[in-house]
Amino acid sequence: MAARIVGAVAAVALFVIARPAMADPAYAIAGDGIAAPLAGAVAGDAARGRALVANRQASLCLLCHTGPIPEERFQGDLAPDLQGAGGRWSAAQLRLRIVDARHFNPVTIMPSYYKTDGLNRVAPAFQGKTILTAQQIEDVVAWLLTLKEQTP
């Protein structure tokens, strides 16, 4: 188990260093979520969100999570199953978990996909850049909200 966690952390660290995106615009945390869609994004598209989660080069979600994406083999089991996420959390709660998972757990291995400040060991070329864009975050949230049923 420890070797799998170390491998997952190393893969996420490499991904964070290798994947620049747009600079981080402001967002407002209210309670346990971000109520408003991220600045610059339109309503999320669930199909694009599913494709992004399934794409190991774009998001790395399936490195740690399992989800209802049967065509993707070798899904993770270090983090919660994505099935049922839309029944467990609201759009605001999901948005904050993706934007900055450390808000809930300061020692999580999940990267902050949209936060740019307060991070450690970020290469100078990638400082001030997010992993996912605002639109990509909204697309993933839209897909996760469709997942209401728990895994049997």
N, C-alpha and C. Protein backbone atom coordinates (compact mmCIF):
# COMPACT_ATOMS: atom_id res chain seq x y z
N MET A 1 0.83 -1.19 0.00
CA MET A 1 0.00 0.00 0.00
C MET A 1 0.87 1.25 0.00
N ALA A 2 1.91 1.29 0.83
CA ALA A 2 2.78 2.47 0.90
C ALA A 2 3.46 2.71 -0.44
N ALA A 3 3.88 1.65 -1.11
CA ALA A 3 4.53 1.81 -2.42
C ALA A 3 3.55 2.39 -3.44
N ARG A 4 2.27 1.99 -3.38
CA ARG A 4 1.27 2.52 -4.30
C ARG A 4 1.05 4.00 -4.04
N ILE A 5 1.02 4.40 -2.77
CA ILE A 5 0.82 5.80 -2.44
C ILE A 5 2.01 6.62 -2.92
N VAL A 6 3.22 6.14 -2.68
CA VAL A 6 4.42 6.85 -3.14
C VAL A 6 4.40 6.97 -4.66
N GLY A 7 4.04 5.91 -5.36
CA GLY A 7 3.95 5.95 -6.82
C GLY A 7 2.91 6.94 -7.29
N ALA A 8 1.77 6.97 -6.63
CA ALA A 8 0.70 7.90 -7.01
C ALA A 8 1.14 9.34 -6.78
N VAL A 9 1.78 9.60 -5.64
CA VAL A 9 2.25 10.95 -5.35
C VAL A 9 3.29 11.38 -6.37
N ALA A 10 4.20 10.49 -6.72
CA ALA A 10 5.23 10.83 -7.71
C ALA A 10 4.61 11.12 -9.07
N ALA A 11 3.63 10.35 -9.48
CA ALA A 11 2.98 10.58 -10.77
C ALA A 11 2.23 11.90 -10.77
N VAL A 12 1.53 12.21 -9.69
CA VAL A 12 0.82 13.48 -9.61
C VAL A 12 1.80 14.63 -9.60
N ALA A 13 2.91 14.50 -8.86
CA ALA A 13 3.91 15.57 -8.83
C ALA A 13 4.48 15.82 -10.21
N LEU A 14 4.80 14.77 -10.93
CA LEU A 14 5.32 14.92 -12.28
C LEU A 14 4.28 15.57 -13.18
N PHE A 15 3.02 15.17 -13.04
CA PHE A 15 1.95 15.73 -13.85
C PHE A 15 1.78 17.22 -13.55
N VAL A 16 1.81 17.60 -12.29
CA VAL A 16 1.63 19.00 -11.90
C VAL A 16 2.74 19.85 -12.51
N ILE A 17 3.95 19.34 -12.53
CA ILE A 17 5.07 20.09 -13.08
C ILE A 17 4.97 20.17 -14.60
N ALA A 18 4.42 19.15 -15.23
CA ALA A 18 4.42 19.08 -16.69
C ALA A 18 3.19 19.68 -17.36
N ARG A 19 2.17 20.07 -16.63
CA ARG A 19 0.89 20.47 -17.24
C ARG A 19 0.51 21.90 -16.88
N PRO A 20 0.94 22.91 -17.63
CA PRO A 20 0.51 24.27 -17.33
C PRO A 20 -0.89 24.54 -17.87
N ALA A 21 -1.61 25.44 -17.22
CA ALA A 21 -2.92 25.89 -17.71
C ALA A 21 -3.00 27.39 -17.49
N MET A 22 -4.19 27.92 -17.41
CA MET A 22 -4.40 29.35 -17.28
C MET A 22 -4.09 29.82 -15.85
N ALA A 23 -3.83 31.11 -15.70
CA ALA A 23 -3.62 31.69 -14.38
C ALA A 23 -4.91 31.63 -13.57
N ASP A 24 -4.78 31.62 -12.25
CA ASP A 24 -5.88 31.42 -11.32
C ASP A 24 -6.66 32.71 -11.06
N PRO A 25 -7.88 32.83 -11.62
CA PRO A 25 -8.71 33.97 -11.25
C PRO A 25 -9.32 33.73 -9.87
N ALA A 26 -9.85 34.76 -9.28
CA ALA A 26 -10.42 34.66 -7.93
C ALA A 26 -11.69 33.81 -7.92
N TYR A 27 -11.92 33.19 -6.80
CA TYR A 27 -13.16 32.46 -6.56
C TYR A 27 -13.48 32.64 -5.09
N ALA A 28 -14.74 32.55 -4.74
CA ALA A 28 -15.17 32.79 -3.36
C ALA A 28 -15.63 31.50 -2.72
N ILE A 29 -14.98 31.15 -1.61
CA ILE A 29 -15.38 29.98 -0.82
C ILE A 29 -16.41 30.43 0.20
N ALA A 30 -17.55 29.76 0.22
CA ALA A 30 -18.61 30.05 1.19
C ALA A 30 -18.96 28.74 1.86
N GLY A 31 -18.66 28.62 3.13
CA GLY A 31 -18.92 27.38 3.85
C GLY A 31 -18.02 26.28 3.34
N ASP A 32 -18.64 25.23 2.82
CA ASP A 32 -17.86 24.08 2.33
C ASP A 32 -17.91 23.97 0.81
N GLY A 33 -18.03 25.11 0.13
CA GLY A 33 -18.09 25.04 -1.33
C GLY A 33 -17.79 26.36 -2.01
N ILE A 34 -17.77 26.30 -3.31
CA ILE A 34 -17.67 27.47 -4.19
C ILE A 34 -18.97 27.49 -4.97
N ALA A 35 -19.89 28.37 -4.57
CA ALA A 35 -21.24 28.35 -5.13
C ALA A 35 -21.29 28.74 -6.60
N ALA A 36 -20.54 29.75 -6.98
CA ALA A 36 -20.61 30.25 -8.35
C ALA A 36 -19.66 29.49 -9.27
N PRO A 37 -20.06 29.29 -10.51
CA PRO A 37 -19.10 28.71 -11.46
C PRO A 37 -17.85 29.57 -11.53
N LEU A 38 -16.74 28.95 -11.84
CA LEU A 38 -15.47 29.67 -11.90
C LEU A 38 -15.49 30.71 -13.01
N ALA A 39 -14.83 31.82 -12.78
CA ALA A 39 -14.80 32.94 -13.72
C ALA A 39 -14.31 32.49 -15.09
N GLY A 40 -15.02 32.92 -16.11
CA GLY A 40 -14.63 32.60 -17.48
C GLY A 40 -15.20 31.31 -18.02
N ALA A 41 -15.87 30.55 -17.18
CA ALA A 41 -16.43 29.27 -17.63
C ALA A 41 -17.93 29.41 -17.89
N VAL A 42 -18.42 28.64 -18.85
CA VAL A 42 -19.85 28.54 -19.10
C VAL A 42 -20.33 27.28 -18.41
N ALA A 43 -21.62 27.01 -18.48
CA ALA A 43 -22.16 25.81 -17.85
C ALA A 43 -21.36 24.58 -18.27
N GLY A 44 -21.09 23.72 -17.31
CA GLY A 44 -20.30 22.53 -17.59
C GLY A 44 -21.01 21.56 -18.51
N ASP A 45 -20.22 20.82 -19.26
CA ASP A 45 -20.73 19.80 -20.17
C ASP A 45 -20.31 18.44 -19.62
N ALA A 46 -21.30 17.63 -19.23
CA ALA A 46 -21.02 16.34 -18.60
C ALA A 46 -20.23 15.39 -19.50
N ALA A 47 -20.48 15.40 -20.79
CA ALA A 47 -19.74 14.51 -21.69
C ALA A 47 -18.27 14.90 -21.74
N ARG A 48 -17.99 16.20 -21.80
CA ARG A 48 -16.59 16.64 -21.78
C ARG A 48 -15.95 16.32 -20.44
N GLY A 49 -16.72 16.44 -19.36
CA GLY A 49 -16.19 16.13 -18.03
C GLY A 49 -15.82 14.67 -17.90
N ARG A 50 -16.69 13.78 -18.40
CA ARG A 50 -16.39 12.36 -18.36
C ARG A 50 -15.13 12.05 -19.17
N ALA A 51 -15.03 12.65 -20.36
CA ALA A 51 -13.85 12.42 -21.20
C ALA A 51 -12.58 12.92 -20.51
N LEU A 52 -12.66 14.02 -19.81
CA LEU A 52 -11.50 14.56 -19.11
C LEU A 52 -11.08 13.64 -17.97
N VAL A 53 -12.04 13.16 -17.19
CA VAL A 53 -11.72 12.23 -16.10
C VAL A 53 -11.11 10.95 -16.65
N ALA A 54 -11.60 10.48 -17.77
CA ALA A 54 -11.09 9.23 -18.36
C ALA A 54 -9.72 9.41 -19.00
N ASN A 55 -9.35 10.62 -19.35
CA ASN A 55 -8.09 10.88 -20.04
C ASN A 55 -6.95 10.98 -19.03
N ARG A 56 -6.14 9.96 -18.98
CA ARG A 56 -5.05 9.91 -18.00
C ARG A 56 -3.97 10.96 -18.25
N GLN A 57 -3.86 11.46 -19.44
CA GLN A 57 -2.87 12.50 -19.72
C GLN A 57 -3.38 13.89 -19.33
N ALA A 58 -4.67 14.05 -19.20
CA ALA A 58 -5.24 15.36 -18.92
C ALA A 58 -5.53 15.60 -17.44
N SER A 59 -5.98 14.59 -16.72
CA SER A 59 -6.43 14.86 -15.35
C SER A 59 -5.83 13.94 -14.29
N LEU A 60 -5.50 12.74 -14.62
CA LEU A 60 -4.98 11.75 -13.66
C LEU A 60 -5.98 11.33 -12.59
N CYS A 61 -7.26 11.63 -12.76
CA CYS A 61 -8.26 11.27 -11.75
C CYS A 61 -8.26 9.77 -11.46
N LEU A 62 -8.17 8.96 -12.52
CA LEU A 62 -8.28 7.51 -12.36
C LEU A 62 -7.02 6.87 -11.80
N LEU A 63 -5.99 7.66 -11.57
CA LEU A 63 -4.80 7.14 -10.89
C LEU A 63 -5.18 6.76 -9.46
N CYS A 64 -6.02 7.56 -8.82
CA CYS A 64 -6.40 7.32 -7.43
C CYS A 64 -7.86 6.91 -7.26
N HIS A 65 -8.74 7.39 -8.14
CA HIS A 65 -10.18 7.12 -8.03
C HIS A 65 -10.62 6.00 -8.97
N THR A 66 -11.71 5.34 -8.59
CA THR A 66 -12.43 4.43 -9.45
C THR A 66 -13.69 5.16 -9.88
N GLY A 67 -14.12 4.94 -11.11
CA GLY A 67 -15.34 5.58 -11.57
C GLY A 67 -16.06 4.72 -12.57
N PRO A 68 -17.29 5.08 -12.90
CA PRO A 68 -18.08 4.30 -13.85
C PRO A 68 -17.63 4.56 -15.29
N ILE A 69 -16.41 4.17 -15.57
CA ILE A 69 -15.82 4.31 -16.90
C ILE A 69 -15.24 2.94 -17.24
N PRO A 70 -16.09 1.99 -17.62
CA PRO A 70 -15.65 0.59 -17.77
C PRO A 70 -14.57 0.38 -18.83
N GLU A 71 -14.49 1.27 -19.81
CA GLU A 71 -13.47 1.08 -20.85
C GLU A 71 -12.06 1.41 -20.35
N GLU A 72 -11.96 2.07 -19.21
CA GLU A 72 -10.65 2.39 -18.63
C GLU A 72 -10.28 1.34 -17.60
N ARG A 73 -9.25 0.60 -17.91
CA ARG A 73 -8.78 -0.44 -17.00
C ARG A 73 -7.83 0.16 -15.98
N PHE A 74 -7.56 -0.57 -14.95
CA PHE A 74 -6.57 -0.20 -13.93
C PHE A 74 -6.88 1.14 -13.27
N GLN A 75 -8.07 1.23 -12.71
CA GLN A 75 -8.46 2.43 -11.99
C GLN A 75 -7.97 2.33 -10.54
N GLY A 76 -7.80 3.49 -9.91
CA GLY A 76 -7.25 3.54 -8.57
C GLY A 76 -8.21 3.13 -7.48
N ASP A 77 -7.64 2.89 -6.30
CA ASP A 77 -8.46 2.59 -5.13
C ASP A 77 -7.92 3.29 -3.88
N LEU A 78 -7.18 4.37 -4.08
CA LEU A 78 -6.64 5.13 -2.95
C LEU A 78 -7.60 6.22 -2.48
N ALA A 79 -8.55 6.59 -3.32
CA ALA A 79 -9.46 7.69 -3.04
C ALA A 79 -10.90 7.22 -3.22
N PRO A 80 -11.87 8.02 -2.81
CA PRO A 80 -13.27 7.60 -2.92
C PRO A 80 -13.69 7.26 -4.35
N ASP A 81 -14.57 6.28 -4.45
CA ASP A 81 -15.18 5.92 -5.73
C ASP A 81 -15.98 7.12 -6.22
N LEU A 82 -15.85 7.46 -7.48
CA LEU A 82 -16.58 8.61 -8.03
C LEU A 82 -18.06 8.31 -8.21
N GLN A 83 -18.41 7.03 -8.33
CA GLN A 83 -19.82 6.68 -8.45
C GLN A 83 -20.56 7.14 -7.21
N GLY A 84 -21.64 7.85 -7.38
CA GLY A 84 -22.41 8.37 -6.26
C GLY A 84 -21.98 9.76 -5.81
N ALA A 85 -20.94 10.35 -6.44
CA ALA A 85 -20.45 11.67 -6.02
C ALA A 85 -21.55 12.72 -6.10
N GLY A 86 -22.39 12.65 -7.12
CA GLY A 86 -23.47 13.62 -7.27
C GLY A 86 -24.55 13.49 -6.21
N GLY A 87 -24.63 12.34 -5.56
CA GLY A 87 -25.56 12.15 -4.45
C GLY A 87 -24.96 12.53 -3.11
N ARG A 88 -23.63 12.51 -3.02
CA ARG A 88 -22.95 12.83 -1.76
C ARG A 88 -22.67 14.32 -1.60
N TRP A 89 -22.40 15.01 -2.72
CA TRP A 89 -21.97 16.41 -2.65
C TRP A 89 -22.74 17.26 -3.64
N SER A 90 -22.87 18.54 -3.33
CA SER A 90 -23.50 19.51 -4.23
C SER A 90 -22.46 19.99 -5.26
N ALA A 91 -22.92 20.75 -6.24
CA ALA A 91 -22.00 21.32 -7.24
C ALA A 91 -20.96 22.19 -6.54
N ALA A 92 -21.38 23.00 -5.57
CA ALA A 92 -20.45 23.88 -4.85
C ALA A 92 -19.40 23.08 -4.11
N GLN A 93 -19.81 22.00 -3.45
CA GLN A 93 -18.88 21.17 -2.70
C GLN A 93 -17.92 20.45 -3.64
N LEU A 94 -18.43 19.91 -4.74
CA LEU A 94 -17.55 19.24 -5.71
C LEU A 94 -16.54 20.23 -6.30
N ARG A 95 -17.02 21.41 -6.64
CA ARG A 95 -16.15 22.43 -7.23
C ARG A 95 -14.97 22.73 -6.29
N LEU A 96 -15.24 22.93 -5.00
CA LEU A 96 -14.16 23.23 -4.06
C LEU A 96 -13.22 22.04 -3.88
N ARG A 97 -13.75 20.84 -3.87
CA ARG A 97 -12.90 19.66 -3.72
C ARG A 97 -11.92 19.54 -4.89
N ILE A 98 -12.35 19.92 -6.07
CA ILE A 98 -11.46 19.84 -7.24
C ILE A 98 -10.52 21.04 -7.28
N VAL A 99 -11.04 22.22 -6.99
CA VAL A 99 -10.21 23.43 -6.99
C VAL A 99 -9.10 23.33 -5.96
N ASP A 100 -9.44 22.93 -4.73
CA ASP A 100 -8.45 22.90 -3.65
C ASP A 100 -8.83 21.85 -2.61
N ALA A 101 -8.44 20.62 -2.85
CA ALA A 101 -8.75 19.52 -1.93
C ALA A 101 -8.13 19.74 -0.56
N ARG A 102 -7.05 20.50 -0.49
CA ARG A 102 -6.38 20.75 0.79
C ARG A 102 -7.23 21.62 1.72
N HIS A 103 -8.27 22.23 1.21
CA HIS A 103 -9.19 23.00 2.05
C HIS A 103 -9.82 22.07 3.10
N PHE A 104 -10.06 20.83 2.72
CA PHE A 104 -10.69 19.86 3.61
C PHE A 104 -9.68 18.98 4.33
N ASN A 105 -8.57 18.69 3.68
CA ASN A 105 -7.55 17.80 4.26
C ASN A 105 -6.17 18.33 3.86
N PRO A 106 -5.50 19.03 4.77
CA PRO A 106 -4.22 19.65 4.43
C PRO A 106 -3.12 18.67 3.98
N VAL A 107 -3.27 17.39 4.29
CA VAL A 107 -2.24 16.42 3.91
C VAL A 107 -2.70 15.47 2.80
N THR A 108 -3.75 15.83 2.09
CA THR A 108 -4.24 14.99 1.00
C THR A 108 -3.19 14.84 -0.09
N ILE A 109 -3.23 13.71 -0.80
CA ILE A 109 -2.35 13.56 -1.97
C ILE A 109 -3.02 14.06 -3.24
N MET A 110 -4.32 14.43 -3.14
CA MET A 110 -5.01 14.96 -4.31
C MET A 110 -4.48 16.36 -4.61
N PRO A 111 -4.09 16.61 -5.85
CA PRO A 111 -3.59 17.95 -6.17
C PRO A 111 -4.72 18.98 -6.17
N SER A 112 -4.35 20.21 -5.94
CA SER A 112 -5.28 21.33 -6.06
C SER A 112 -5.29 21.72 -7.53
N TYR A 113 -6.33 21.34 -8.24
CA TYR A 113 -6.36 21.48 -9.70
C TYR A 113 -6.52 22.92 -10.18
N TYR A 114 -6.90 23.84 -9.27
CA TYR A 114 -7.14 25.22 -9.72
C TYR A 114 -6.54 26.26 -8.78
N LYS A 115 -5.92 25.85 -7.73
CA LYS A 115 -5.31 26.78 -6.78
C LYS A 115 -3.87 27.03 -7.21
N THR A 116 -3.41 28.26 -7.07
CA THR A 116 -2.05 28.58 -7.48
C THR A 116 -1.19 29.16 -6.36
N ASP A 117 -1.79 29.54 -5.25
CA ASP A 117 -0.99 30.12 -4.18
C ASP A 117 -0.87 29.14 -3.02
N GLY A 118 0.17 29.30 -2.22
CA GLY A 118 0.36 28.45 -1.06
C GLY A 118 0.80 27.04 -1.38
N LEU A 119 1.27 26.78 -2.58
CA LEU A 119 1.73 25.45 -2.97
C LEU A 119 3.23 25.32 -2.74
N ASN A 120 3.70 24.12 -2.56
CA ASN A 120 5.12 23.87 -2.31
C ASN A 120 5.80 23.25 -3.53
N ARG A 121 7.05 23.55 -3.70
CA ARG A 121 7.91 22.94 -4.71
C ARG A 121 7.33 23.01 -6.12
N VAL A 122 6.86 24.17 -6.50
CA VAL A 122 6.36 24.38 -7.85
C VAL A 122 7.50 24.98 -8.68
N ALA A 123 7.81 24.37 -9.79
CA ALA A 123 8.87 24.88 -10.66
C ALA A 123 8.55 26.31 -11.07
N PRO A 124 9.55 27.18 -11.15
CA PRO A 124 9.32 28.58 -11.50
C PRO A 124 8.50 28.76 -12.77
N ALA A 125 8.71 27.94 -13.77
CA ALA A 125 7.98 28.06 -15.03
C ALA A 125 6.48 27.78 -14.88
N PHE A 126 6.09 27.10 -13.80
CA PHE A 126 4.69 26.73 -13.62
C PHE A 126 4.01 27.48 -12.48
N GLN A 127 4.72 28.35 -11.80
CA GLN A 127 4.11 29.13 -10.73
C GLN A 127 3.03 30.04 -11.31
N GLY A 128 1.91 30.12 -10.61
CA GLY A 128 0.80 30.95 -11.05
C GLY A 128 -0.07 30.31 -12.12
N LYS A 129 0.16 29.05 -12.43
CA LYS A 129 -0.63 28.34 -13.44
C LYS A 129 -1.41 27.22 -12.78
N THR A 130 -2.60 26.98 -13.29
CA THR A 130 -3.45 25.91 -12.74
C THR A 130 -3.25 24.63 -13.54
N ILE A 131 -3.68 23.52 -12.96
CA ILE A 131 -3.59 22.23 -13.66
C ILE A 131 -4.71 22.13 -14.69
N LEU A 132 -5.93 22.45 -14.26
CA LEU A 132 -7.09 22.45 -15.15
C LEU A 132 -7.60 23.87 -15.32
N THR A 133 -8.24 24.14 -16.44
CA THR A 133 -8.84 25.44 -16.67
C THR A 133 -10.18 25.53 -15.94
N ALA A 134 -10.72 26.74 -15.84
CA ALA A 134 -12.03 26.94 -15.22
C ALA A 134 -13.09 26.11 -15.93
N GLN A 135 -13.06 26.08 -17.25
CA GLN A 135 -14.05 25.33 -18.02
C GLN A 135 -13.91 23.84 -17.76
N GLN A 136 -12.70 23.34 -17.70
CA GLN A 136 -12.50 21.92 -17.42
C GLN A 136 -13.04 21.55 -16.05
N ILE A 137 -12.83 22.41 -15.05
CA ILE A 137 -13.38 22.15 -13.71
C ILE A 137 -14.90 22.07 -13.79
N GLU A 138 -15.53 23.01 -14.47
CA GLU A 138 -16.99 23.02 -14.58
C GLU A 138 -17.50 21.78 -15.32
N ASP A 139 -16.77 21.33 -16.32
CA ASP A 139 -17.17 20.12 -17.06
C ASP A 139 -17.10 18.89 -16.15
N VAL A 140 -16.04 18.77 -15.36
CA VAL A 140 -15.92 17.63 -14.44
C VAL A 140 -17.02 17.68 -13.40
N VAL A 141 -17.30 18.85 -12.85
CA VAL A 141 -18.39 18.99 -11.88
C VAL A 141 -19.72 18.55 -12.51
N ALA A 142 -19.98 18.98 -13.73
CA ALA A 142 -21.23 18.60 -14.41
C ALA A 142 -21.35 17.09 -14.53
N TRP A 143 -20.26 16.41 -14.87
CA TRP A 143 -20.31 14.95 -14.99
C TRP A 143 -20.50 14.29 -13.63
N LEU A 144 -19.74 14.75 -12.64
CA LEU A 144 -19.85 14.14 -11.31
C LEU A 144 -21.27 14.28 -10.76
N LEU A 145 -21.94 15.38 -11.07
CA LEU A 145 -23.31 15.58 -10.60
C LEU A 145 -24.28 14.57 -11.20
N THR A 146 -23.95 13.97 -12.33
CA THR A 146 -24.81 12.96 -12.93
C THR A 146 -24.69 11.61 -12.21
N LEU A 147 -23.68 11.44 -11.41
CA LEU A 147 -23.41 10.17 -10.74
C LEU A 147 -24.11 10.12 -9.39
N LYS A 148 -25.39 9.82 -9.41
CA LYS A 148 -26.21 9.84 -8.18
C LYS A 148 -26.24 8.49 -7.44
N GLU A 149 -26.14 7.42 -8.18
CA GLU A 149 -26.26 6.08 -7.60
C GLU A 149 -24.93 5.60 -7.04
N GLN A 150 -24.97 5.01 -5.84
CA GLN A 150 -23.77 4.41 -5.24
C GLN A 150 -23.42 3.12 -5.95
N THR A 151 -22.16 2.75 -5.88
CA THR A 151 -21.73 1.46 -6.42
C THR A 151 -22.39 0.34 -5.63
N PRO A 152 -22.95 -0.66 -6.33
CA PRO A 152 -23.63 -1.76 -5.60
C PRO A 152 -22.66 -2.58 -4.78
